[in-house]
Amino acid sequence: MHLIEITPQPCMVCGSGNTPGPNGERRQFIDLERDTFWDDPAIICEDCGLKIAGLLGTPSPEELQRAAARISKLTTQAHDLKVEIDSMKRRARKLGISFVPEEAEVA
C-alpha cells in the first residue's frame, strides 16, 4: 500500500475522485496495490481510509488534536505547579525549614 495524490480510479468505497474538497485541497488516496475486475487498481480515498481506521480503533485526527491540546494544557499546569513549589521551598529555607532532596523522594 502507498499514498497517491492523483488517482486513475475513483474510491472503491464512496466513488470520490480527484476533485478538490470544499477548501480547495486535494485529498490523498491509498493504492492497495491490488487489481480488481479488468486490471483496475483498488483505490480508497483518505476519508474512507480514516473510517476504516476508526473501525479498528485508531483515533481520528480530531481526537488526536484534542489530546495534543490537553497534553499541552497539562504540561503548562505541571510547570506552573513546579514553579510555585520551588518558590515555596525558597521561602521555607529562609525560615529555616529544610526538605528531603528530590532524589530521595522518588526512591
N, C-alpha and C. Protein backbone atom coordinates (compact mmCIF):
# COMPACT_ATOMS: atom_id res chain seq x y z
N MET A 1 0.85 -1.18 0.00
CA MET A 1 0.00 0.00 0.00
C MET A 1 0.89 1.24 0.00
N HIS A 2 0.42 2.27 -0.67
CA HIS A 2 1.11 3.54 -0.62
C HIS A 2 0.13 4.67 -0.95
N LEU A 3 0.51 5.88 -0.53
CA LEU A 3 -0.33 7.05 -0.76
C LEU A 3 -0.08 7.62 -2.15
N ILE A 4 -1.16 8.07 -2.78
CA ILE A 4 -1.05 8.76 -4.05
C ILE A 4 -1.94 9.99 -3.99
N GLU A 5 -1.58 11.02 -4.77
CA GLU A 5 -2.38 12.26 -4.75
C GLU A 5 -3.32 12.34 -5.94
N ILE A 6 -2.92 11.76 -7.04
CA ILE A 6 -3.78 11.75 -8.23
C ILE A 6 -4.06 10.30 -8.55
N THR A 7 -5.33 9.98 -8.70
CA THR A 7 -5.72 8.60 -8.90
C THR A 7 -6.34 8.38 -10.28
N PRO A 8 -6.02 7.25 -10.89
CA PRO A 8 -6.64 6.93 -12.16
C PRO A 8 -8.07 6.41 -11.99
N GLN A 9 -8.42 6.01 -10.79
CA GLN A 9 -9.72 5.42 -10.49
C GLN A 9 -10.35 6.16 -9.32
N PRO A 10 -11.67 6.17 -9.23
CA PRO A 10 -12.32 6.72 -8.04
C PRO A 10 -12.19 5.74 -6.86
N CYS A 11 -12.52 6.23 -5.69
CA CYS A 11 -12.50 5.40 -4.48
C CYS A 11 -13.46 4.23 -4.67
N MET A 12 -13.01 3.05 -4.31
CA MET A 12 -13.85 1.87 -4.50
C MET A 12 -14.95 1.77 -3.44
N VAL A 13 -14.93 2.61 -2.42
CA VAL A 13 -15.97 2.58 -1.39
C VAL A 13 -17.03 3.64 -1.66
N CYS A 14 -16.61 4.91 -1.80
CA CYS A 14 -17.58 6.00 -1.94
C CYS A 14 -17.66 6.59 -3.35
N GLY A 15 -16.68 6.26 -4.20
CA GLY A 15 -16.71 6.74 -5.57
C GLY A 15 -16.12 8.12 -5.80
N SER A 16 -15.53 8.74 -4.79
CA SER A 16 -14.95 10.08 -4.98
C SER A 16 -13.67 9.99 -5.80
N GLY A 17 -13.41 11.04 -6.57
CA GLY A 17 -12.24 11.04 -7.44
C GLY A 17 -11.28 12.15 -7.11
N ASN A 18 -10.66 12.70 -8.14
CA ASN A 18 -9.61 13.71 -7.98
C ASN A 18 -10.13 15.12 -7.75
N THR A 19 -11.39 15.31 -7.49
CA THR A 19 -11.93 16.65 -7.32
C THR A 19 -11.47 17.24 -5.99
N PRO A 20 -11.12 18.53 -5.98
CA PRO A 20 -10.71 19.16 -4.72
C PRO A 20 -11.88 19.24 -3.73
N GLY A 21 -11.56 19.29 -2.46
CA GLY A 21 -12.58 19.41 -1.42
C GLY A 21 -13.12 20.83 -1.35
N PRO A 22 -14.04 21.10 -0.40
CA PRO A 22 -14.64 22.43 -0.28
C PRO A 22 -13.62 23.54 0.02
N ASN A 23 -12.52 23.18 0.67
CA ASN A 23 -11.50 24.19 0.99
C ASN A 23 -10.42 24.28 -0.10
N GLY A 24 -10.59 23.57 -1.20
CA GLY A 24 -9.65 23.65 -2.31
C GLY A 24 -8.51 22.66 -2.26
N GLU A 25 -8.39 21.92 -1.18
CA GLU A 25 -7.30 20.94 -1.05
C GLU A 25 -7.71 19.62 -1.69
N ARG A 26 -6.73 18.99 -2.30
CA ARG A 26 -6.98 17.66 -2.86
C ARG A 26 -6.74 16.62 -1.78
N ARG A 27 -7.63 15.66 -1.72
CA ARG A 27 -7.46 14.59 -0.74
C ARG A 27 -6.45 13.58 -1.26
N GLN A 28 -5.90 12.80 -0.35
CA GLN A 28 -4.97 11.75 -0.72
C GLN A 28 -5.73 10.45 -0.91
N PHE A 29 -5.11 9.53 -1.61
CA PHE A 29 -5.73 8.23 -1.84
C PHE A 29 -4.74 7.14 -1.45
N ILE A 30 -5.28 5.99 -1.11
CA ILE A 30 -4.47 4.83 -0.76
C ILE A 30 -4.58 3.84 -1.91
N ASP A 31 -3.45 3.51 -2.51
CA ASP A 31 -3.41 2.48 -3.54
C ASP A 31 -3.14 1.16 -2.83
N LEU A 32 -4.07 0.24 -2.89
CA LEU A 32 -3.93 -1.04 -2.19
C LEU A 32 -3.02 -2.01 -2.92
N GLU A 33 -2.51 -1.58 -4.09
CA GLU A 33 -1.60 -2.40 -4.90
C GLU A 33 -2.22 -3.75 -5.26
N ARG A 34 -3.51 -3.74 -5.50
CA ARG A 34 -4.24 -4.91 -5.96
C ARG A 34 -5.10 -4.48 -7.14
N ASP A 35 -5.36 -5.38 -8.04
CA ASP A 35 -6.21 -5.08 -9.17
C ASP A 35 -7.58 -5.73 -8.98
N THR A 36 -8.60 -5.02 -9.44
CA THR A 36 -9.95 -5.56 -9.37
C THR A 36 -10.51 -5.65 -10.78
N PHE A 37 -11.41 -6.52 -10.99
CA PHE A 37 -12.10 -6.69 -12.27
C PHE A 37 -11.12 -6.74 -13.44
N TRP A 38 -11.17 -5.78 -14.34
CA TRP A 38 -10.34 -5.78 -15.55
C TRP A 38 -9.10 -4.92 -15.34
N ASP A 39 -8.25 -5.31 -14.43
CA ASP A 39 -6.99 -4.63 -14.12
C ASP A 39 -7.17 -3.19 -13.65
N ASP A 40 -8.29 -2.88 -13.00
CA ASP A 40 -8.48 -1.57 -12.38
C ASP A 40 -7.82 -1.60 -11.01
N PRO A 41 -7.04 -0.56 -10.66
CA PRO A 41 -6.40 -0.55 -9.34
C PRO A 41 -7.43 -0.36 -8.22
N ALA A 42 -7.18 -1.00 -7.08
CA ALA A 42 -8.03 -0.85 -5.90
C ALA A 42 -7.57 0.40 -5.15
N ILE A 43 -8.42 1.44 -5.14
CA ILE A 43 -8.08 2.74 -4.56
C ILE A 43 -9.10 3.06 -3.48
N ILE A 44 -8.64 3.60 -2.35
CA ILE A 44 -9.51 4.07 -1.27
C ILE A 44 -9.14 5.52 -0.97
N CYS A 45 -10.15 6.39 -0.84
CA CYS A 45 -9.87 7.80 -0.54
C CYS A 45 -9.48 7.97 0.93
N GLU A 46 -8.95 9.13 1.23
CA GLU A 46 -8.48 9.45 2.59
C GLU A 46 -9.62 9.33 3.60
N ASP A 47 -10.80 9.84 3.26
CA ASP A 47 -11.94 9.81 4.19
C ASP A 47 -12.36 8.38 4.50
N CYS A 48 -12.45 7.54 3.47
CA CYS A 48 -12.83 6.15 3.70
C CYS A 48 -11.74 5.40 4.47
N GLY A 49 -10.47 5.74 4.21
CA GLY A 49 -9.37 5.15 4.96
C GLY A 49 -9.45 5.49 6.44
N LEU A 50 -9.83 6.74 6.75
CA LEU A 50 -9.99 7.14 8.16
C LEU A 50 -11.16 6.41 8.82
N LYS A 51 -12.23 6.19 8.05
CA LYS A 51 -13.37 5.43 8.60
C LYS A 51 -12.96 4.01 8.91
N ILE A 52 -12.19 3.40 8.00
CA ILE A 52 -11.72 2.03 8.23
C ILE A 52 -10.81 1.98 9.46
N ALA A 53 -9.91 2.96 9.56
CA ALA A 53 -9.01 3.01 10.71
C ALA A 53 -9.80 3.19 12.01
N GLY A 54 -10.87 3.99 11.95
CA GLY A 54 -11.71 4.18 13.14
C GLY A 54 -12.39 2.90 13.58
N LEU A 55 -12.79 2.08 12.62
CA LEU A 55 -13.38 0.79 12.96
C LEU A 55 -12.39 -0.11 13.69
N LEU A 56 -11.11 0.08 13.41
CA LEU A 56 -10.07 -0.72 14.04
C LEU A 56 -9.54 -0.10 15.33
N GLY A 57 -10.10 1.06 15.72
CA GLY A 57 -9.73 1.68 17.00
C GLY A 57 -8.70 2.78 16.90
N THR A 58 -8.30 3.16 15.71
CA THR A 58 -7.35 4.25 15.55
C THR A 58 -8.04 5.58 15.83
N PRO A 59 -7.44 6.46 16.60
CA PRO A 59 -8.09 7.75 16.88
C PRO A 59 -8.18 8.62 15.62
N SER A 60 -9.23 9.40 15.54
CA SER A 60 -9.43 10.29 14.41
C SER A 60 -8.51 11.51 14.54
N PRO A 61 -8.30 12.26 13.46
CA PRO A 61 -7.47 13.47 13.56
C PRO A 61 -8.00 14.46 14.59
N GLU A 62 -9.32 14.55 14.73
CA GLU A 62 -9.91 15.46 15.73
C GLU A 62 -9.57 15.00 17.14
N GLU A 63 -9.63 13.68 17.38
CA GLU A 63 -9.29 13.15 18.70
C GLU A 63 -7.82 13.39 19.02
N LEU A 64 -6.96 13.24 18.01
CA LEU A 64 -5.53 13.48 18.23
C LEU A 64 -5.28 14.95 18.53
N GLN A 65 -6.01 15.84 17.86
CA GLN A 65 -5.86 17.27 18.11
C GLN A 65 -6.30 17.63 19.53
N ARG A 66 -7.43 17.06 19.97
CA ARG A 66 -7.90 17.31 21.34
C ARG A 66 -6.91 16.78 22.36
N ALA A 67 -6.34 15.58 22.10
CA ALA A 67 -5.37 15.00 23.02
C ALA A 67 -4.11 15.87 23.10
N ALA A 68 -3.65 16.37 21.96
CA ALA A 68 -2.47 17.23 21.95
C ALA A 68 -2.72 18.52 22.72
N ALA A 69 -3.92 19.10 22.56
CA ALA A 69 -4.26 20.32 23.30
C ALA A 69 -4.31 20.04 24.80
N ARG A 70 -4.88 18.90 25.18
CA ARG A 70 -4.97 18.52 26.60
C ARG A 70 -3.58 18.30 27.18
N ILE A 71 -2.71 17.64 26.43
CA ILE A 71 -1.34 17.40 26.89
C ILE A 71 -0.62 18.72 27.08
N SER A 72 -0.79 19.63 26.14
CA SER A 72 -0.15 20.95 26.24
C SER A 72 -0.64 21.69 27.48
N LYS A 73 -1.95 21.64 27.73
CA LYS A 73 -2.52 22.31 28.90
C LYS A 73 -1.99 21.70 30.19
N LEU A 74 -1.95 20.36 30.25
CA LEU A 74 -1.47 19.69 31.46
C LEU A 74 0.02 19.94 31.68
N THR A 75 0.80 20.01 30.61
CA THR A 75 2.23 20.31 30.72
C THR A 75 2.43 21.70 31.30
N THR A 76 1.64 22.65 30.82
CA THR A 76 1.72 24.02 31.34
C THR A 76 1.34 24.07 32.81
N GLN A 77 0.27 23.34 33.18
CA GLN A 77 -0.15 23.31 34.58
C GLN A 77 0.93 22.69 35.47
N ALA A 78 1.54 21.60 35.00
CA ALA A 78 2.60 20.95 35.78
C ALA A 78 3.79 21.90 35.97
N HIS A 79 4.14 22.62 34.91
CA HIS A 79 5.25 23.58 35.01
C HIS A 79 4.92 24.68 36.02
N ASP A 80 3.70 25.22 35.94
CA ASP A 80 3.30 26.27 36.87
C ASP A 80 3.33 25.79 38.32
N LEU A 81 2.90 24.55 38.55
CA LEU A 81 2.91 24.00 39.91
C LEU A 81 4.35 23.80 40.41
N LYS A 82 5.25 23.34 39.52
CA LYS A 82 6.65 23.18 39.93
C LYS A 82 7.27 24.52 40.29
N VAL A 83 6.95 25.56 39.52
CA VAL A 83 7.46 26.90 39.82
C VAL A 83 6.95 27.36 41.18
N GLU A 84 5.68 27.11 41.44
CA GLU A 84 5.09 27.51 42.72
C GLU A 84 5.73 26.74 43.88
N ILE A 85 5.98 25.45 43.70
CA ILE A 85 6.61 24.64 44.74
C ILE A 85 8.03 25.14 45.00
N ASP A 86 8.77 25.44 43.93
CA ASP A 86 10.13 25.96 44.11
C ASP A 86 10.12 27.28 44.87
N SER A 87 9.16 28.12 44.58
CA SER A 87 9.05 29.41 45.28
C SER A 87 8.77 29.18 46.77
N MET A 88 7.86 28.23 47.06
CA MET A 88 7.55 27.93 48.47
C MET A 88 8.76 27.34 49.19
N LYS A 89 9.53 26.50 48.49
CA LYS A 89 10.72 25.92 49.12
C LYS A 89 11.74 27.01 49.44
N ARG A 90 11.91 27.97 48.55
CA ARG A 90 12.86 29.08 48.81
C ARG A 90 12.42 29.86 50.04
N ARG A 91 11.11 30.15 50.12
CA ARG A 91 10.62 30.89 51.29
C ARG A 91 10.80 30.08 52.57
N ALA A 92 10.57 28.76 52.48
CA ALA A 92 10.70 27.91 53.66
C ALA A 92 12.16 27.84 54.12
N ARG A 93 13.09 27.77 53.17
CA ARG A 93 14.51 27.73 53.53
C ARG A 93 14.92 29.01 54.26
N LYS A 94 14.35 30.14 53.84
CA LYS A 94 14.66 31.41 54.51
C LYS A 94 14.16 31.39 55.95
N LEU A 95 13.11 30.59 56.20
CA LEU A 95 12.58 30.46 57.56
C LEU A 95 13.29 29.36 58.35
N GLY A 96 14.24 28.66 57.69
CA GLY A 96 15.00 27.62 58.39
C GLY A 96 14.42 26.23 58.25
N ILE A 97 13.47 26.04 57.36
CA ILE A 97 12.88 24.70 57.16
C ILE A 97 13.66 24.02 56.04
N SER A 98 14.07 22.76 56.29
CA SER A 98 14.81 22.03 55.25
C SER A 98 13.93 20.91 54.69
N PHE A 99 14.25 20.50 53.47
CA PHE A 99 13.47 19.48 52.77
C PHE A 99 14.35 18.30 52.41
N VAL A 100 13.70 17.15 52.20
CA VAL A 100 14.40 15.97 51.72
C VAL A 100 14.73 16.21 50.25
N PRO A 101 15.94 15.88 49.81
CA PRO A 101 16.28 16.07 48.38
C PRO A 101 15.29 15.31 47.48
N GLU A 102 15.04 15.85 46.28
CA GLU A 102 14.05 15.26 45.38
C GLU A 102 14.44 13.84 44.98
N GLU A 103 15.75 13.51 44.88
CA GLU A 103 16.16 12.16 44.50
C GLU A 103 15.71 11.16 45.56
N ALA A 104 15.73 11.55 46.82
CA ALA A 104 15.32 10.66 47.90
C ALA A 104 13.81 10.47 47.91
N GLU A 105 13.04 11.49 47.46
CA GLU A 105 11.59 11.39 47.41
C GLU A 105 11.15 10.35 46.41
N VAL A 106 11.85 10.25 45.29
CA VAL A 106 11.50 9.31 44.22
C VAL A 106 11.75 7.88 44.65
N ALA A 107 12.82 7.62 45.37
CA ALA A 107 13.21 6.27 45.75
C ALA A 107 12.33 5.69 46.78
